Protein backbone atom coordinates (compact mmCIF):
# COMPACT_ATOMS: atom_id res chain seq x y z
CA MET A 1 -25.32 1.58 -28.68
CA LYS A 2 -26.46 -1.33 -26.48
CA VAL A 3 -29.78 -2.45 -25.03
CA ILE A 4 -30.69 -5.31 -22.74
CA ALA A 5 -32.92 -7.72 -24.66
CA ASN A 6 -34.41 -10.70 -22.85
CA GLY A 7 -31.70 -10.37 -20.21
CA ARG A 8 -28.77 -10.17 -22.64
CA GLU A 9 -26.82 -7.15 -23.76
CA ARG A 10 -27.19 -6.60 -27.52
CA PRO A 11 -25.70 -3.99 -29.83
CA VAL A 12 -28.22 -1.98 -31.84
CA ASP A 13 -28.08 0.77 -34.42
CA PRO A 14 -28.94 4.11 -32.74
CA GLU A 15 -31.50 4.79 -35.48
CA TRP A 16 -33.44 1.54 -35.02
CA THR A 17 -37.07 1.44 -34.02
CA VAL A 18 -38.57 -1.40 -32.01
CA ALA A 19 -39.85 -2.90 -35.29
CA GLU A 20 -36.36 -2.86 -36.83
CA PHE A 21 -34.87 -4.43 -33.71
CA ILE A 22 -37.42 -7.25 -33.82
CA GLU A 23 -36.68 -7.83 -37.50
CA SER A 24 -32.94 -7.95 -36.71
CA LEU A 25 -33.74 -10.93 -34.47
CA GLY A 26 -35.29 -12.70 -37.44
CA LEU A 27 -38.80 -12.30 -36.04
CA ASP A 28 -41.94 -10.90 -37.62
CA PRO A 29 -43.20 -7.91 -35.59
CA ARG A 30 -46.80 -9.05 -36.21
CA PHE A 31 -46.24 -12.16 -34.12
CA VAL A 32 -44.44 -10.91 -31.01
CA ILE A 33 -45.32 -9.22 -27.75
CA VAL A 34 -42.96 -6.50 -26.54
CA GLU A 35 -42.32 -4.92 -23.17
CA LEU A 36 -40.08 -1.85 -23.22
CA ASN A 37 -38.63 -0.68 -19.91
CA GLY A 38 -41.30 -2.54 -17.96
CA GLU A 39 -44.30 -1.35 -19.98
CA ALA A 40 -46.26 -3.29 -22.60
CA LEU A 41 -45.93 -1.71 -26.03
CA GLU A 42 -48.83 -1.81 -28.47
CA ARG A 43 -47.92 -3.53 -31.74
CA GLY A 44 -49.02 -0.53 -33.80
CA ARG A 45 -46.40 1.62 -32.08
CA PHE A 46 -43.39 -0.63 -32.92
CA PRO A 47 -42.44 1.33 -36.08
CA GLY A 48 -42.56 4.70 -34.32
CA VAL A 49 -40.75 3.94 -31.07
CA GLY A 50 -36.98 4.32 -31.08
CA LEU A 51 -34.51 2.63 -28.77
CA ALA A 52 -32.14 4.38 -26.39
CA GLU A 53 -28.90 3.33 -24.73
CA GLY A 54 -29.59 0.93 -21.86
CA ASP A 55 -33.25 0.27 -22.71
CA HIS A 56 -34.63 -3.01 -21.42
CA ILE A 57 -36.71 -4.83 -24.00
CA GLU A 58 -38.45 -8.17 -23.61
CA VAL A 59 -39.59 -9.86 -26.79
CA VAL A 60 -41.87 -12.89 -26.63
CA ARG A 61 -42.91 -14.77 -29.74
CA ALA A 62 -46.57 -15.71 -29.90
CA VAL A 63 -47.04 -19.42 -30.58
CA ALA A 64 -50.32 -21.05 -31.51
CA GLY A 65 -51.31 -24.41 -30.14
CA GLY A 66 -52.10 -25.98 -26.87
């Protein structure tokens, strides 16, 4: 199955949740902001939201500093 992540097509396991996808990118789900199909997704929902073929997901890593 494939999704569009940050503008690039990426293969994903059909069973993956948003949290598992983020971890597959080498990121910690606690430190990212996610938009799924144009809607902001609350961090607490990452483990319970699955991905579907063709989903558009934007992942932004939160960075401290100024």
